[in-house]
């Protein structure tokens, strides 16, 4: 009985990897990535806060809620900050009492510069460029039958 179950598992695993078409999966992963990069209107105000930390948290909560299907629960706090940085721009504003307040706006000046398929991990690494200057590498991996952002790192 256990040999039959083991055989079924092996067939299922081998058929799922045999059915993996990198070009088709790249299209799906790219749709997810582009969906995140355009999930709000360009320059849409996402958050206002007395501090950058306060507005970061408000903006991240909105981005996470709107893109929940595209974001892995495995993202670390640092990776969340990197993603927030590439998706937003801070338009600080002077206040009447001489201080400043932080205003985070969604930024659609982010472009996919390159996409690389990692055959071993079956992941796609998107080189995302903001304003033609700043870059982040965003990794998408299939989780729960959907492409999700699982890593955000600086390019080497």
C-alpha atoms as a PDB file:
ATOM      1  CA  UNK A   1       0.000   0.000   0.000  1.00  0.00           C
ATOM      2  CA  UNK A   2       2.747   2.465   0.930  1.00  0.00           C
ATOM      3  CA  UNK A   3       4.579   1.679  -2.322  1.00  0.00           C
ATOM      4  CA  UNK A   4       1.444   2.583  -4.292  1.00  0.00           C
ATOM      5  CA  UNK A   5       1.119   5.905  -2.403  1.00  0.00           C
ATOM      6  CA  UNK A   6       4.809   6.649  -2.920  1.00  0.00           C
ATOM      7  CA  UNK A   7       4.437   5.892  -6.627  1.00  0.00           C
ATOM      8  CA  UNK A   8       1.454   8.240  -6.892  1.00  0.00           C
ATOM      9  CA  UNK A   9       3.377  11.021  -5.172  1.00  0.00           C
ATOM     10  CA  UNK A  10       6.357  10.542  -7.495  1.00  0.00           C
ATOM     11  CA  UNK A  11       4.118  10.643 -10.563  1.00  0.00           C
ATOM     12  CA  UNK A  12       2.387  13.778  -9.304  1.00  0.00           C
ATOM     13  CA  UNK A  13       5.717  15.503  -8.615  1.00  0.00           C
ATOM     14  CA  UNK A  14       7.263  14.539 -11.917  1.00  0.00           C
ATOM     15  CA  UNK A  15       4.184  15.492 -13.922  1.00  0.00           C
ATOM     16  CA  UNK A  16       3.911  18.892 -12.242  1.00  0.00           C
ATOM     17  CA  UNK A  17       7.516  19.745 -13.057  1.00  0.00           C
ATOM     18  CA  UNK A  18       7.130  18.327 -16.551  1.00  0.00           C
ATOM     19  CA  UNK A  19       4.113  20.608 -17.084  1.00  0.00           C
ATOM     20  CA  UNK A  20       6.075  23.700 -16.035  1.00  0.00           C
ATOM     21  CA  UNK A  21       6.402  25.863 -19.135  1.00  0.00           C
ATOM     22  CA  UNK A  22       8.866  28.675 -18.274  1.00  0.00           C
ATOM     23  CA  UNK A  23       7.556  31.018 -20.980  1.00  0.00           C
ATOM     24  CA  UNK A  24       3.927  30.587 -19.917  1.00  0.00           C
ATOM     25  CA  UNK A  25       4.826  30.913 -16.238  1.00  0.00           C
ATOM     26  CA  UNK A  26       6.924  34.019 -16.983  1.00  0.00           C
ATOM     27  CA  UNK A  27       3.824  35.655 -18.481  1.00  0.00           C
ATOM     28  CA  UNK A  28       1.831  34.843 -15.340  1.00  0.00           C
ATOM     29  CA  UNK A  29       4.573  36.034 -12.966  1.00  0.00           C
ATOM     30  CA  UNK A  30       5.030  39.219 -15.008  1.00  0.00           C
ATOM     31  CA  UNK A  31       1.286  39.933 -14.790  1.00  0.00           C
ATOM     32  CA  UNK A  32       1.509  39.668 -11.009  1.00  0.00           C
ATOM     33  CA  UNK A  33       4.589  41.921 -10.877  1.00  0.00           C
ATOM     34  CA  UNK A  34       3.040  44.524 -13.171  1.00  0.00           C
ATOM     35  CA  UNK A  35      -0.154  44.381 -11.129  1.00  0.00           C
ATOM     36  CA  UNK A  36       1.753  45.346  -7.997  1.00  0.00           C
ATOM     37  CA  UNK A  37       3.709  48.080  -9.819  1.00  0.00           C
ATOM     38  CA  UNK A  38       0.444  49.659 -11.025  1.00  0.00           C
ATOM     39  CA  UNK A  39      -1.860  48.792  -8.119  1.00  0.00           C
ATOM     40  CA  UNK A  40      -2.536  52.473  -7.360  1.00  0.00           C
ATOM     41  CA  UNK A  41      -2.726  55.560  -9.541  1.00  0.00           C
ATOM     42  CA  UNK A  42       0.570  57.330 -10.181  1.00  0.00           C
ATOM     43  CA  UNK A  43       1.205  59.877  -7.414  1.00  0.00           C
ATOM     44  CA  UNK A  44      -1.851  58.688  -5.484  1.00  0.00           C
ATOM     45  CA  UNK A  45      -1.439  59.734  -1.869  1.00  0.00           C
ATOM     46  CA  UNK A  46      -1.269  56.601   0.259  1.00  0.00           C
ATOM     47  CA  UNK A  47      -0.350  57.999   3.642  1.00  0.00           C
ATOM     48  CA  UNK A  48       0.228  61.083   5.706  1.00  0.00           C
ATOM     49  CA  UNK A  49       1.942  60.993   9.051  1.00  0.00           C
ATOM     50  CA  UNK A  50       3.835  63.085  11.546  1.00  0.00           C
ATOM     51  CA  UNK A  51       6.876  60.869  10.911  1.00  0.00           C
ATOM     52  CA  UNK A  52       8.205  58.769   8.072  1.00  0.00           C
ATOM     53  CA  UNK A  53       7.720  55.630  10.208  1.00  0.00           C
ATOM     54  CA  UNK A  54       4.062  56.465  10.780  1.00  0.00           C
ATOM     55  CA  UNK A  55       3.358  57.112   7.104  1.00  0.00           C
ATOM     56  CA  UNK A  56       5.381  54.016   6.093  1.00  0.00           C
ATOM     57  CA  UNK A  57       3.153  51.799   8.223  1.00  0.00           C
ATOM     58  CA  UNK A  58      -0.061  53.324   6.870  1.00  0.00           C
ATOM     59  CA  UNK A  59       1.153  53.032   3.268  1.00  0.00           C
ATOM     60  CA  UNK A  60       2.410  49.457   3.732  1.00  0.00           C
ATOM     61  CA  UNK A  61      -0.942  48.399   5.195  1.00  0.00           C
ATOM     62  CA  UNK A  62      -2.732  49.790   2.105  1.00  0.00           C
ATOM     63  CA  UNK A  63      -0.284  48.161  -0.324  1.00  0.00           C
ATOM     64  CA  UNK A  64      -0.475  44.842   1.522  1.00  0.00           C
ATOM     65  CA  UNK A  65      -4.277  44.893   1.571  1.00  0.00           C
ATOM     66  CA  UNK A  66      -4.594  45.724  -2.120  1.00  0.00           C
ATOM     67  CA  UNK A  67      -1.925  43.200  -3.189  1.00  0.00           C
ATOM     68  CA  UNK A  68      -2.552  40.428  -0.661  1.00  0.00           C
ATOM     69  CA  UNK A  69      -2.748  37.775  -3.388  1.00  0.00           C
ATOM     70  CA  UNK A  70       0.673  38.801  -4.715  1.00  0.00           C
ATOM     71  CA  UNK A  71       2.594  39.055  -1.432  1.00  0.00           C
ATOM     72  CA  UNK A  72       4.015  36.063   0.393  1.00  0.00           C
ATOM     73  CA  UNK A  73       3.633  35.845   4.152  1.00  0.00           C
ATOM     74  CA  UNK A  74       7.355  34.954   4.139  1.00  0.00           C
ATOM     75  CA  UNK A  75       8.513  38.528   3.431  1.00  0.00           C
ATOM     76  CA  UNK A  76      10.696  39.895   6.225  1.00  0.00           C
ATOM     77  CA  UNK A  77      10.239  43.407   7.631  1.00  0.00           C
ATOM     78  CA  UNK A  78      13.360  44.489   5.742  1.00  0.00           C
ATOM     79  CA  UNK A  79      11.983  43.113   2.475  1.00  0.00           C
ATOM     80  CA  UNK A  80       8.669  44.875   3.080  1.00  0.00           C
ATOM     81  CA  UNK A  81      10.585  48.157   3.574  1.00  0.00           C
ATOM     82  CA  UNK A  82      12.530  47.605   0.334  1.00  0.00           C
ATOM     83  CA  UNK A  83       9.316  46.977  -1.587  1.00  0.00           C
ATOM     84  CA  UNK A  84       7.662  50.027  -0.022  1.00  0.00           C
ATOM     85  CA  UNK A  85      10.699  52.113  -0.981  1.00  0.00           C
ATOM     86  CA  UNK A  86      10.565  51.079  -4.630  1.00  0.00           C
ATOM     87  CA  UNK A  87       6.778  51.663  -4.825  1.00  0.00           C
ATOM     88  CA  UNK A  88       6.508  55.050  -3.105  1.00  0.00           C
ATOM     89  CA  UNK A  89       7.991  58.514  -2.977  1.00  0.00           C
ATOM     90  CA  UNK A  90       7.948  60.774   0.077  1.00  0.00           C
ATOM     91  CA  UNK A  91       6.740  64.309  -0.533  1.00  0.00           C
ATOM     92  CA  UNK A  92       7.495  65.892   2.825  1.00  0.00           C
ATOM     93  CA  UNK A  93       5.524  69.003   3.599  1.00  0.00           C
ATOM     94  CA  UNK A  94       6.206  71.861   6.014  1.00  0.00           C
ATOM     95  CA  UNK A  95       3.635  72.363   8.744  1.00  0.00           C
ATOM     96  CA  UNK A  96       2.431  75.661  10.248  1.00  0.00           C
ATOM     97  CA  UNK A  97       4.313  74.979  13.502  1.00  0.00           C
ATOM     98  CA  UNK A  98       7.677  74.732  11.704  1.00  0.00           C
ATOM     99  CA  UNK A  99       7.813  70.943  11.535  1.00  0.00           C
ATOM    100  CA  UNK A 100       7.305  68.620   8.625  1.00  0.00           C
ATOM    101  CA  UNK A 101       4.910  65.835   7.852  1.00  0.00           C
ATOM    102  CA  UNK A 102       5.547  62.815   5.710  1.00  0.00           C
ATOM    103  CA  UNK A 103       3.348  62.198   2.668  1.00  0.00           C
ATOM    104  CA  UNK A 104       3.862  58.939   0.814  1.00  0.00           C
ATOM    105  CA  UNK A 105       2.623  58.791  -2.752  1.00  0.00           C
ATOM    106  CA  UNK A 106       2.479  55.723  -4.969  1.00  0.00           C
ATOM    107  CA  UNK A 107       5.083  55.864  -7.700  1.00  0.00           C
ATOM    108  CA  UNK A 108       4.555  54.321 -11.120  1.00  0.00           C
ATOM    109  CA  UNK A 109       8.034  55.359 -12.278  1.00  0.00           C
ATOM    110  CA  UNK A 110       9.124  51.796 -11.659  1.00  0.00           C
ATOM    111  CA  UNK A 111       9.913  49.576 -14.583  1.00  0.00           C
ATOM    112  CA  UNK A 112      10.876  45.955 -15.074  1.00  0.00           C
ATOM    113  CA  UNK A 113      14.418  46.235 -16.393  1.00  0.00           C
ATOM    114  CA  UNK A 114      15.058  42.491 -16.735  1.00  0.00           C
ATOM    115  CA  UNK A 115      13.529  39.138 -15.829  1.00  0.00           C
ATOM    116  CA  UNK A 116      15.639  36.075 -15.095  1.00  0.00           C
ATOM    117  CA  UNK A 117      14.316  32.546 -14.623  1.00  0.00           C
ATOM    118  CA  UNK A 118      16.053  30.462 -11.960  1.00  0.00           C
ATOM    119  CA  UNK A 119      15.532  26.924 -13.208  1.00  0.00           C
ATOM    120  CA  UNK A 120      16.752  25.247 -10.028  1.00  0.00           C
ATOM    121  CA  UNK A 121      14.321  27.092  -7.740  1.00  0.00           C
ATOM    122  CA  UNK A 122      11.620  27.635 -10.393  1.00  0.00           C
ATOM    123  CA  UNK A 123      11.536  31.341  -9.506  1.00  0.00           C
ATOM    124  CA  UNK A 124      11.589  34.549 -11.502  1.00  0.00           C
ATOM    125  CA  UNK A 125      13.847  37.417 -10.484  1.00  0.00           C
ATOM    126  CA  UNK A 126      12.639  40.815 -11.646  1.00  0.00           C
ATOM    127  CA  UNK A 127      15.185  43.616 -11.764  1.00  0.00           C
ATOM    128  CA  UNK A 128      13.001  46.606 -10.931  1.00  0.00           C
ATOM    129  CA  UNK A 129      14.284  50.086 -11.623  1.00  0.00           C
ATOM    130  CA  UNK A 130      12.884  53.293 -10.132  1.00  0.00           C
ATOM    131  CA  UNK A 131      13.496  56.622 -11.870  1.00  0.00           C
ATOM    132  CA  UNK A 132      16.242  54.902 -13.883  1.00  0.00           C
ATOM    133  CA  UNK A 133      18.504  54.956 -10.825  1.00  0.00           C
ATOM    134  CA  UNK A 134      17.485  52.750  -7.895  1.00  0.00           C
ATOM    135  CA  UNK A 135      17.198  48.996  -8.363  1.00  0.00           C
ATOM    136  CA  UNK A 136      15.758  46.130  -6.363  1.00  0.00           C
ATOM    137  CA  UNK A 137      15.586  42.457  -7.261  1.00  0.00           C
ATOM    138  CA  UNK A 138      12.107  41.102  -6.602  1.00  0.00           C
ATOM    139  CA  UNK A 139      11.737  37.323  -6.592  1.00  0.00           C
ATOM    140  CA  UNK A 140       8.434  35.632  -7.373  1.00  0.00           C
ATOM    141  CA  UNK A 141       7.825  32.000  -6.525  1.00  0.00           C
ATOM    142  CA  UNK A 142       4.715  29.922  -6.953  1.00  0.00           C
ATOM    143  CA  UNK A 143       2.947  29.421  -3.626  1.00  0.00           C
ATOM    144  CA  UNK A 144      -0.549  28.008  -3.263  1.00  0.00           C
ATOM    145  CA  UNK A 145      -0.743  27.792  -7.089  1.00  0.00           C
ATOM    146  CA  UNK A 146      -0.177  31.554  -7.433  1.00  0.00           C
ATOM    147  CA  UNK A 147       2.904  33.652  -8.164  1.00  0.00           C
ATOM    148  CA  UNK A 148       3.879  35.659  -5.090  1.00  0.00           C
ATOM    149  CA  UNK A 149       6.633  38.062  -4.144  1.00  0.00           C
ATOM    150  CA  UNK A 150       8.840  36.051  -1.808  1.00  0.00           C
ATOM    151  CA  UNK A 151      12.040  38.122  -1.684  1.00  0.00           C
ATOM    152  CA  UNK A 152      13.173  41.709  -2.189  1.00  0.00           C
ATOM    153  CA  UNK A 153      16.927  42.299  -2.281  1.00  0.00           C
ATOM    154  CA  UNK A 154      19.487  44.784  -3.515  1.00  0.00           C
ATOM    155  CA  UNK A 155      21.273  43.782  -6.714  1.00  0.00           C
ATOM    156  CA  UNK A 156      24.789  42.453  -6.260  1.00  0.00           C
END
